[in-house]
Amino acid sequence: MKKKQRKVLFSVLLMFCLLLNCMNAIAADEHLGETVDGSVLTDEREAEMTVYSRLRGVFLSNGKCKIQNQGNHMITVTGSTDCYVVCDKVKVTLVVERLVNGNWQSYKVIGTKTAYNNHTVTKTKTLTVAGGYYYRVISAHVAIEGDKVESLGGFTNGIWVK
């Protein structure tokens, strides 16, 4: 008798897990394709952005940021700043945001990486996140040469993490 009860209990738990998985998929599809504060909500595994200055800068060439869904609630965030020439300081700052109730909220400040006397800097971080949300990364890019400062900023589209 106990063996039969275990099988029934296992079947019920399995059905419950499948139901929860379907509910997450439905939640993603409800907002798929919408644009929230400039970010398109996607079901892609990664989103990338490259931003260039409207006016060609003397030092700062471009800034890039990328967010990748690695599975198992793991995401990897990468950002880089590229300059035309070697600068005193080159910086990249990354922040992960999560969509909650239709608004992007700061989820994790990854921080700033600074390279000295260089033309480029890159920062990468892998972190665990809660499932059932869209995530995006915001980046700030700065080049400093003497007393001159050039900066850019941007953000990726939102990716769904189950």
N, C-alpha and C. Protein backbone atom coordinates (compact mmCIF):
# COMPACT_ATOMS: atom_id res chain seq x y z
N MET A 1 0.81 -1.19 0.00
CA MET A 1 0.00 0.00 0.00
C MET A 1 0.86 1.27 0.00
N LYS A 2 1.95 1.28 0.75
CA LYS A 2 2.82 2.44 0.81
C LYS A 2 3.45 2.73 -0.55
N LYS A 3 3.77 1.69 -1.28
CA LYS A 3 4.37 1.85 -2.59
C LYS A 3 3.42 2.59 -3.53
N LYS A 4 2.14 2.24 -3.47
CA LYS A 4 1.14 2.88 -4.32
C LYS A 4 0.97 4.35 -3.91
N GLN A 5 1.00 4.65 -2.63
CA GLN A 5 0.86 6.02 -2.15
C GLN A 5 2.05 6.86 -2.61
N ARG A 6 3.24 6.29 -2.58
CA ARG A 6 4.42 7.00 -3.06
C ARG A 6 4.32 7.34 -4.54
N LYS A 7 3.82 6.40 -5.32
CA LYS A 7 3.66 6.63 -6.76
C LYS A 7 2.66 7.75 -7.01
N VAL A 8 1.56 7.75 -6.28
CA VAL A 8 0.54 8.79 -6.43
C VAL A 8 1.13 10.15 -6.02
N LEU A 9 1.82 10.18 -4.89
CA LEU A 9 2.43 11.41 -4.42
C LEU A 9 3.46 11.92 -5.42
N PHE A 10 4.28 11.03 -5.95
CA PHE A 10 5.27 11.42 -6.96
C PHE A 10 4.58 11.98 -8.20
N SER A 11 3.51 11.34 -8.65
CA SER A 11 2.77 11.81 -9.83
C SER A 11 2.19 13.20 -9.60
N VAL A 12 1.63 13.42 -8.42
CA VAL A 12 1.05 14.73 -8.09
C VAL A 12 2.15 15.80 -8.07
N LEU A 13 3.28 15.50 -7.46
CA LEU A 13 4.39 16.46 -7.43
C LEU A 13 4.91 16.75 -8.83
N LEU A 14 5.02 15.73 -9.65
CA LEU A 14 5.47 15.91 -11.02
C LEU A 14 4.51 16.82 -11.79
N MET A 15 3.22 16.59 -11.64
CA MET A 15 2.22 17.43 -12.33
C MET A 15 2.30 18.87 -11.82
N PHE A 16 2.51 19.05 -10.52
CA PHE A 16 2.63 20.39 -9.95
C PHE A 16 3.84 21.12 -10.54
N CYS A 17 4.97 20.43 -10.63
CA CYS A 17 6.18 21.03 -11.21
C CYS A 17 5.95 21.42 -12.67
N LEU A 18 5.31 20.56 -13.43
CA LEU A 18 5.02 20.87 -14.83
C LEU A 18 4.09 22.07 -14.94
N LEU A 19 3.11 22.14 -14.06
CA LEU A 19 2.18 23.27 -14.07
C LEU A 19 2.92 24.57 -13.78
N LEU A 20 3.83 24.57 -12.79
CA LEU A 20 4.60 25.77 -12.49
C LEU A 20 5.46 26.19 -13.67
N ASN A 21 6.06 25.23 -14.34
CA ASN A 21 6.88 25.52 -15.50
C ASN A 21 6.05 26.15 -16.60
N CYS A 22 4.86 25.66 -16.84
CA CYS A 22 3.97 26.23 -17.85
C CYS A 22 3.54 27.64 -17.47
N MET A 23 3.32 27.88 -16.17
CA MET A 23 2.92 29.20 -15.72
C MET A 23 4.01 30.22 -15.98
N ASN A 24 5.27 29.84 -15.78
CA ASN A 24 6.37 30.75 -16.08
C ASN A 24 6.42 31.08 -17.56
N ALA A 25 6.21 30.09 -18.41
CA ALA A 25 6.22 30.32 -19.86
C ALA A 25 5.10 31.26 -20.25
N ILE A 26 3.94 31.12 -19.64
CA ILE A 26 2.82 31.99 -19.93
C ILE A 26 3.14 33.42 -19.51
N ALA A 27 3.76 33.59 -18.35
CA ALA A 27 4.11 34.92 -17.87
C ALA A 27 5.07 35.61 -18.84
N ALA A 28 6.01 34.87 -19.39
CA ALA A 28 6.95 35.46 -20.35
C ALA A 28 6.22 35.87 -21.62
N ASP A 29 5.33 35.03 -22.11
CA ASP A 29 4.63 35.31 -23.35
C ASP A 29 3.69 36.49 -23.24
N GLU A 30 3.15 36.77 -22.06
CA GLU A 30 2.24 37.90 -21.88
C GLU A 30 2.87 39.22 -22.28
N HIS A 31 4.15 39.38 -21.99
CA HIS A 31 4.84 40.65 -22.23
C HIS A 31 5.87 40.59 -23.35
N LEU A 32 6.01 39.43 -23.95
CA LEU A 32 7.00 39.25 -25.01
C LEU A 32 6.78 40.27 -26.13
N GLY A 33 7.84 40.97 -26.49
CA GLY A 33 7.77 41.95 -27.57
C GLY A 33 7.43 43.36 -27.12
N GLU A 34 6.98 43.53 -25.88
CA GLU A 34 6.70 44.87 -25.37
C GLU A 34 8.00 45.64 -25.20
N THR A 35 7.90 46.97 -25.21
CA THR A 35 9.05 47.82 -24.95
C THR A 35 8.81 48.55 -23.64
N VAL A 36 9.75 48.40 -22.70
CA VAL A 36 9.67 49.06 -21.40
C VAL A 36 10.92 49.91 -21.23
N ASP A 37 10.74 51.23 -21.14
CA ASP A 37 11.86 52.17 -21.00
C ASP A 37 12.97 51.92 -22.03
N GLY A 38 12.57 51.67 -23.26
CA GLY A 38 13.54 51.51 -24.35
C GLY A 38 14.05 50.11 -24.57
N SER A 39 13.76 49.17 -23.67
CA SER A 39 14.22 47.78 -23.81
C SER A 39 13.08 46.90 -24.30
N VAL A 40 13.31 46.17 -25.38
CA VAL A 40 12.35 45.21 -25.88
C VAL A 40 12.46 43.94 -25.05
N LEU A 41 11.32 43.40 -24.61
CA LEU A 41 11.31 42.18 -23.81
C LEU A 41 11.34 40.99 -24.76
N THR A 42 12.38 40.16 -24.63
CA THR A 42 12.61 39.07 -25.57
C THR A 42 12.70 37.73 -24.84
N ASP A 43 12.60 36.66 -25.62
CA ASP A 43 12.85 35.33 -25.08
C ASP A 43 14.19 34.80 -25.60
N GLU A 44 15.02 35.71 -26.10
CA GLU A 44 16.36 35.34 -26.57
C GLU A 44 17.24 34.97 -25.37
N ARG A 45 18.28 34.21 -25.62
CA ARG A 45 19.20 33.81 -24.54
C ARG A 45 20.22 34.90 -24.22
N GLU A 46 20.33 35.89 -25.10
CA GLU A 46 21.27 36.98 -24.83
C GLU A 46 20.81 38.26 -25.51
N ALA A 47 21.29 39.37 -24.98
CA ALA A 47 21.03 40.68 -25.58
C ALA A 47 22.31 41.49 -25.49
N GLU A 48 22.59 42.24 -26.55
CA GLU A 48 23.84 43.00 -26.62
C GLU A 48 23.55 44.39 -27.15
N MET A 49 24.35 45.37 -26.73
CA MET A 49 24.19 46.74 -27.17
C MET A 49 25.57 47.35 -27.37
N THR A 50 25.69 48.13 -28.43
CA THR A 50 26.89 48.95 -28.65
C THR A 50 26.43 50.37 -28.84
N VAL A 51 27.03 51.29 -28.12
CA VAL A 51 26.65 52.70 -28.21
C VAL A 51 27.86 53.51 -28.67
N TYR A 52 27.58 54.45 -29.57
CA TYR A 52 28.60 55.34 -30.10
C TYR A 52 28.19 56.77 -29.78
N SER A 53 29.17 57.65 -29.69
CA SER A 53 28.89 59.06 -29.44
C SER A 53 28.23 59.67 -30.67
N ARG A 54 27.23 60.54 -30.45
CA ARG A 54 26.59 61.23 -31.59
C ARG A 54 27.61 62.11 -32.30
N LEU A 55 28.41 62.79 -31.51
CA LEU A 55 29.50 63.57 -32.07
C LEU A 55 30.78 62.78 -31.84
N ARG A 56 31.55 62.61 -32.86
CA ARG A 56 32.78 61.83 -32.71
C ARG A 56 33.64 62.46 -31.62
N GLY A 57 33.94 61.64 -30.62
CA GLY A 57 34.79 62.10 -29.53
C GLY A 57 36.25 62.08 -29.92
N VAL A 58 37.05 62.71 -29.11
CA VAL A 58 38.48 62.73 -29.33
C VAL A 58 39.10 61.43 -28.81
N PHE A 59 38.54 60.92 -27.70
CA PHE A 59 39.11 59.75 -27.04
C PHE A 59 38.21 58.52 -27.10
N LEU A 60 36.96 58.69 -26.69
CA LEU A 60 36.03 57.57 -26.52
C LEU A 60 35.45 57.10 -27.85
N SER A 61 35.67 55.85 -28.19
CA SER A 61 35.17 55.28 -29.44
C SER A 61 33.77 54.70 -29.26
N ASN A 62 33.62 53.72 -28.33
CA ASN A 62 32.32 53.09 -28.13
C ASN A 62 32.26 52.37 -26.79
N GLY A 63 31.05 51.99 -26.44
CA GLY A 63 30.82 51.20 -25.25
C GLY A 63 29.91 50.04 -25.59
N LYS A 64 30.16 48.89 -24.99
CA LYS A 64 29.36 47.69 -25.25
C LYS A 64 28.92 47.07 -23.94
N CYS A 65 27.73 46.47 -23.95
CA CYS A 65 27.32 45.64 -22.82
C CYS A 65 26.49 44.47 -23.35
N LYS A 66 26.53 43.38 -22.58
CA LYS A 66 25.89 42.14 -23.01
C LYS A 66 25.40 41.39 -21.79
N ILE A 67 24.22 40.75 -21.92
CA ILE A 67 23.69 39.89 -20.88
C ILE A 67 23.35 38.55 -21.52
N GLN A 68 23.78 37.46 -20.88
CA GLN A 68 23.55 36.11 -21.42
C GLN A 68 22.90 35.24 -20.36
N ASN A 69 21.87 34.51 -20.76
CA ASN A 69 21.22 33.53 -19.89
C ASN A 69 21.99 32.22 -20.04
N GLN A 70 22.66 31.78 -18.97
CA GLN A 70 23.46 30.56 -19.00
C GLN A 70 22.64 29.33 -18.61
N GLY A 71 21.38 29.52 -18.22
CA GLY A 71 20.56 28.41 -17.73
C GLY A 71 20.75 28.24 -16.23
N ASN A 72 19.86 27.47 -15.61
CA ASN A 72 19.92 27.23 -14.16
C ASN A 72 19.98 28.52 -13.35
N HIS A 73 19.26 29.56 -13.82
CA HIS A 73 19.17 30.86 -13.14
C HIS A 73 20.51 31.58 -13.06
N MET A 74 21.41 31.29 -13.99
CA MET A 74 22.70 31.96 -14.05
C MET A 74 22.73 32.89 -15.25
N ILE A 75 23.21 34.12 -15.02
CA ILE A 75 23.41 35.05 -16.13
C ILE A 75 24.86 35.54 -16.09
N THR A 76 25.38 35.88 -17.27
CA THR A 76 26.70 36.48 -17.37
C THR A 76 26.53 37.86 -17.97
N VAL A 77 27.14 38.84 -17.33
CA VAL A 77 27.06 40.24 -17.75
C VAL A 77 28.46 40.69 -18.14
N THR A 78 28.58 41.34 -19.29
CA THR A 78 29.87 41.81 -19.77
C THR A 78 29.73 43.23 -20.29
N GLY A 79 30.73 44.04 -20.03
CA GLY A 79 30.76 45.39 -20.56
C GLY A 79 32.17 45.78 -20.92
N SER A 80 32.30 46.63 -21.94
CA SER A 80 33.64 47.09 -22.33
C SER A 80 33.56 48.52 -22.85
N THR A 81 34.66 49.21 -22.69
CA THR A 81 34.81 50.58 -23.19
C THR A 81 36.06 50.60 -24.07
N ASP A 82 35.91 51.17 -25.26
CA ASP A 82 37.04 51.24 -26.19
C ASP A 82 37.32 52.70 -26.55
N CYS A 83 38.60 53.04 -26.60
CA CYS A 83 39.03 54.40 -26.96
C CYS A 83 39.86 54.38 -28.23
N TYR A 84 39.91 55.54 -28.89
CA TYR A 84 40.73 55.66 -30.11
C TYR A 84 42.22 55.65 -29.77
N VAL A 85 42.56 56.18 -28.60
CA VAL A 85 43.96 56.31 -28.19
C VAL A 85 44.11 55.86 -26.74
N VAL A 86 45.33 55.70 -26.29
CA VAL A 86 45.59 55.38 -24.89
C VAL A 86 45.20 56.60 -24.05
N CYS A 87 44.43 56.34 -22.97
CA CYS A 87 43.96 57.41 -22.09
C CYS A 87 44.48 57.18 -20.67
N ASP A 88 44.47 58.26 -19.88
CA ASP A 88 44.87 58.15 -18.48
C ASP A 88 44.02 57.12 -17.74
N LYS A 89 42.69 57.21 -17.95
CA LYS A 89 41.76 56.26 -17.32
C LYS A 89 40.67 55.89 -18.32
N VAL A 90 40.31 54.61 -18.32
CA VAL A 90 39.20 54.10 -19.12
C VAL A 90 38.33 53.28 -18.16
N LYS A 91 37.02 53.59 -18.12
CA LYS A 91 36.15 52.94 -17.13
C LYS A 91 34.92 52.32 -17.79
N VAL A 92 34.44 51.24 -17.15
CA VAL A 92 33.15 50.65 -17.50
C VAL A 92 32.43 50.34 -16.19
N THR A 93 31.15 50.68 -16.12
CA THR A 93 30.32 50.42 -14.95
C THR A 93 29.09 49.64 -15.40
N LEU A 94 28.73 48.59 -14.65
CA LEU A 94 27.60 47.73 -15.01
C LEU A 94 26.61 47.60 -13.86
N VAL A 95 25.32 47.65 -14.21
CA VAL A 95 24.24 47.43 -13.25
C VAL A 95 23.21 46.51 -13.91
N VAL A 96 22.78 45.47 -13.19
CA VAL A 96 21.73 44.58 -13.67
C VAL A 96 20.40 45.07 -13.12
N GLU A 97 19.41 45.16 -14.01
CA GLU A 97 18.07 45.54 -13.60
C GLU A 97 17.10 44.39 -13.86
N ARG A 98 16.03 44.36 -13.05
CA ARG A 98 15.00 43.33 -13.18
C ARG A 98 13.67 44.04 -13.35
N LEU A 99 12.81 43.50 -14.23
CA LEU A 99 11.49 44.08 -14.47
C LEU A 99 10.52 43.57 -13.41
N VAL A 100 9.99 44.49 -12.60
CA VAL A 100 9.04 44.16 -11.54
C VAL A 100 7.83 45.06 -11.69
N ASN A 101 6.66 44.45 -11.87
CA ASN A 101 5.40 45.20 -12.01
C ASN A 101 5.48 46.28 -13.10
N GLY A 102 6.14 45.96 -14.20
CA GLY A 102 6.20 46.87 -15.34
C GLY A 102 7.27 47.93 -15.26
N ASN A 103 8.11 47.90 -14.22
CA ASN A 103 9.16 48.90 -14.06
C ASN A 103 10.51 48.22 -13.86
N TRP A 104 11.56 48.80 -14.47
CA TRP A 104 12.91 48.29 -14.26
C TRP A 104 13.40 48.76 -12.90
N GLN A 105 13.90 47.82 -12.10
CA GLN A 105 14.45 48.14 -10.78
C GLN A 105 15.87 47.60 -10.69
N SER A 106 16.73 48.36 -10.01
CA SER A 106 18.10 47.92 -9.82
C SER A 106 18.10 46.60 -9.06
N TYR A 107 18.78 45.60 -9.62
CA TYR A 107 18.84 44.28 -9.00
C TYR A 107 20.21 44.03 -8.37
N LYS A 108 21.26 44.35 -9.12
CA LYS A 108 22.62 44.10 -8.64
C LYS A 108 23.57 45.09 -9.29
N VAL A 109 24.28 45.85 -8.47
CA VAL A 109 25.32 46.74 -8.98
C VAL A 109 26.59 45.90 -9.13
N ILE A 110 26.99 45.69 -10.37
CA ILE A 110 28.19 44.88 -10.64
C ILE A 110 29.43 45.70 -10.29
N GLY A 111 29.38 46.99 -10.57
CA GLY A 111 30.48 47.87 -10.19
C GLY A 111 31.26 48.42 -11.36
N THR A 112 32.34 49.09 -11.04
CA THR A 112 33.17 49.78 -12.03
C THR A 112 34.55 49.12 -12.10
N LYS A 113 35.04 49.00 -13.31
CA LYS A 113 36.42 48.56 -13.51
C LYS A 113 37.14 49.69 -14.23
N THR A 114 38.33 50.02 -13.76
CA THR A 114 39.13 51.11 -14.34
C THR A 114 40.46 50.55 -14.83
N ALA A 115 40.82 50.94 -16.05
CA ALA A 115 42.13 50.62 -16.60
C ALA A 115 42.92 51.93 -16.72
N TYR A 116 44.18 51.91 -16.33
CA TYR A 116 45.03 53.09 -16.37
C TYR A 116 46.00 52.99 -17.54
N ASN A 117 46.18 54.13 -18.22
CA ASN A 117 47.10 54.20 -19.36
C ASN A 117 46.83 53.06 -20.34
N ASN A 118 45.59 53.01 -20.80
CA ASN A 118 45.15 51.95 -21.68
C ASN A 118 44.13 52.51 -22.67
N HIS A 119 43.76 51.71 -23.66
CA HIS A 119 42.75 52.15 -24.62
C HIS A 119 41.45 51.35 -24.50
N THR A 120 41.44 50.35 -23.60
CA THR A 120 40.23 49.53 -23.45
C THR A 120 40.15 48.96 -22.04
N VAL A 121 38.93 48.63 -21.64
CA VAL A 121 38.70 47.96 -20.37
C VAL A 121 37.47 47.07 -20.53
N THR A 122 37.49 45.90 -19.89
CA THR A 122 36.39 44.94 -19.95
C THR A 122 36.11 44.40 -18.56
N LYS A 123 34.82 44.25 -18.24
CA LYS A 123 34.41 43.66 -16.96
C LYS A 123 33.36 42.59 -17.24
N THR A 124 33.51 41.42 -16.59
CA THR A 124 32.58 40.31 -16.74
C THR A 124 32.23 39.76 -15.37
N LYS A 125 30.97 39.42 -15.19
CA LYS A 125 30.52 38.84 -13.91
C LYS A 125 29.40 37.84 -14.20
N THR A 126 29.48 36.68 -13.56
CA THR A 126 28.41 35.69 -13.63
C THR A 126 27.73 35.65 -12.27
N LEU A 127 26.40 35.68 -12.27
CA LEU A 127 25.68 35.66 -11.02
C LEU A 127 24.40 34.84 -11.12
N THR A 128 23.91 34.44 -9.96
CA THR A 128 22.66 33.68 -9.86
C THR A 128 21.53 34.67 -9.65
N VAL A 129 20.43 34.48 -10.39
CA VAL A 129 19.26 35.36 -10.28
C VAL A 129 18.01 34.52 -10.04
N ALA A 130 16.96 35.16 -9.59
CA ALA A 130 15.67 34.49 -9.41
C ALA A 130 15.02 34.31 -10.77
N GLY A 131 14.34 33.19 -10.95
CA GLY A 131 13.64 32.93 -12.20
C GLY A 131 12.28 33.63 -12.23
N GLY A 132 11.71 33.71 -13.43
CA GLY A 132 10.39 34.31 -13.59
C GLY A 132 10.41 35.80 -13.82
N TYR A 133 11.56 36.33 -14.27
CA TYR A 133 11.70 37.77 -14.50
C TYR A 133 12.47 38.04 -15.79
N TYR A 134 12.28 39.27 -16.29
CA TYR A 134 13.13 39.80 -17.36
C TYR A 134 14.28 40.55 -16.70
N TYR A 135 15.47 40.44 -17.30
CA TYR A 135 16.65 41.14 -16.80
C TYR A 135 17.30 41.90 -17.97
N ARG A 136 17.94 43.02 -17.63
CA ARG A 136 18.75 43.77 -18.61
C ARG A 136 19.96 44.33 -17.89
N VAL A 137 20.93 44.78 -18.66
CA VAL A 137 22.12 45.40 -18.08
C VAL A 137 22.24 46.83 -18.60
N ILE A 138 22.59 47.72 -17.68
CA ILE A 138 22.85 49.13 -18.00
C ILE A 138 24.35 49.34 -17.88
N SER A 139 24.91 50.12 -18.78
CA SER A 139 26.36 50.36 -18.74
C SER A 139 26.67 51.84 -18.87
N ALA A 140 27.78 52.24 -18.23
CA ALA A 140 28.32 53.59 -18.38
C ALA A 140 29.78 53.44 -18.78
N HIS A 141 30.20 54.28 -19.72
CA HIS A 141 31.54 54.18 -20.30
C HIS A 141 32.21 55.56 -20.23
N VAL A 142 33.43 55.60 -19.70
CA VAL A 142 34.11 56.87 -19.49
C VAL A 142 35.56 56.76 -19.95
N ALA A 143 36.03 57.83 -20.60
CA ALA A 143 37.44 57.97 -20.96
C ALA A 143 37.92 59.30 -20.38
N ILE A 144 39.05 59.27 -19.67
CA ILE A 144 39.62 60.48 -19.07
C ILE A 144 41.05 60.63 -19.56
N GLU A 145 41.33 61.80 -20.12
CA GLU A 145 42.68 62.13 -20.58
C GLU A 145 42.96 63.55 -20.10
N GLY A 146 43.88 63.66 -19.14
CA GLY A 146 44.15 64.97 -18.53
C GLY A 146 42.90 65.45 -17.80
N ASP A 147 42.45 66.64 -18.15
CA ASP A 147 41.24 67.19 -17.52
C ASP A 147 40.00 67.04 -18.42
N LYS A 148 40.14 66.30 -19.51
CA LYS A 148 39.02 66.08 -20.43
C LYS A 148 38.35 64.74 -20.13
N VAL A 149 37.01 64.75 -20.09
CA VAL A 149 36.23 63.55 -19.79
C VAL A 149 35.19 63.36 -20.89
N GLU A 150 35.13 62.16 -21.44
CA GLU A 150 34.09 61.80 -22.40
C GLU A 150 33.35 60.59 -21.84
N SER A 151 32.01 60.57 -22.04
CA SER A 151 31.23 59.46 -21.48
C SER A 151 30.07 59.09 -22.39
N LEU A 152 29.66 57.83 -22.27
CA LEU A 152 28.52 57.27 -22.99
C LEU A 152 27.77 56.35 -22.04
N GLY A 153 26.51 56.08 -22.34
CA GLY A 153 25.74 55.13 -21.55
C GLY A 153 24.74 54.41 -22.42
N GLY A 154 24.32 53.22 -22.01
CA GLY A 154 23.34 52.47 -22.77
C GLY A 154 22.80 51.31 -21.97
N PHE A 155 21.94 50.53 -22.62
CA PHE A 155 21.33 49.38 -21.96
C PHE A 155 20.90 48.36 -23.03
N THR A 156 20.77 47.11 -22.59
CA THR A 156 20.36 46.04 -23.50
C THR A 156 18.85 45.89 -23.48
N ASN A 157 18.36 45.01 -24.36
CA ASN A 157 16.98 44.57 -24.27
C ASN A 157 16.85 43.65 -23.06
N GLY A 158 15.62 43.34 -22.70
CA GLY A 158 15.39 42.45 -21.57
C GLY A 158 15.33 41.00 -22.02
N ILE A 159 15.97 40.11 -21.25
CA ILE A 159 15.89 38.67 -21.55
C ILE A 159 15.14 37.98 -20.42
N TRP A 160 14.37 36.95 -20.77
CA TRP A 160 13.57 36.21 -19.80
C TRP A 160 14.40 35.09 -19.17
N VAL A 161 14.36 35.02 -17.85
CA VAL A 161 15.01 33.92 -17.13
C VAL A 161 13.91 33.12 -16.47
N LYS A 162 13.81 31.83 -16.85
CA LYS A 162 12.75 30.97 -16.30
C LYS A 162 12.95 30.71 -14.83
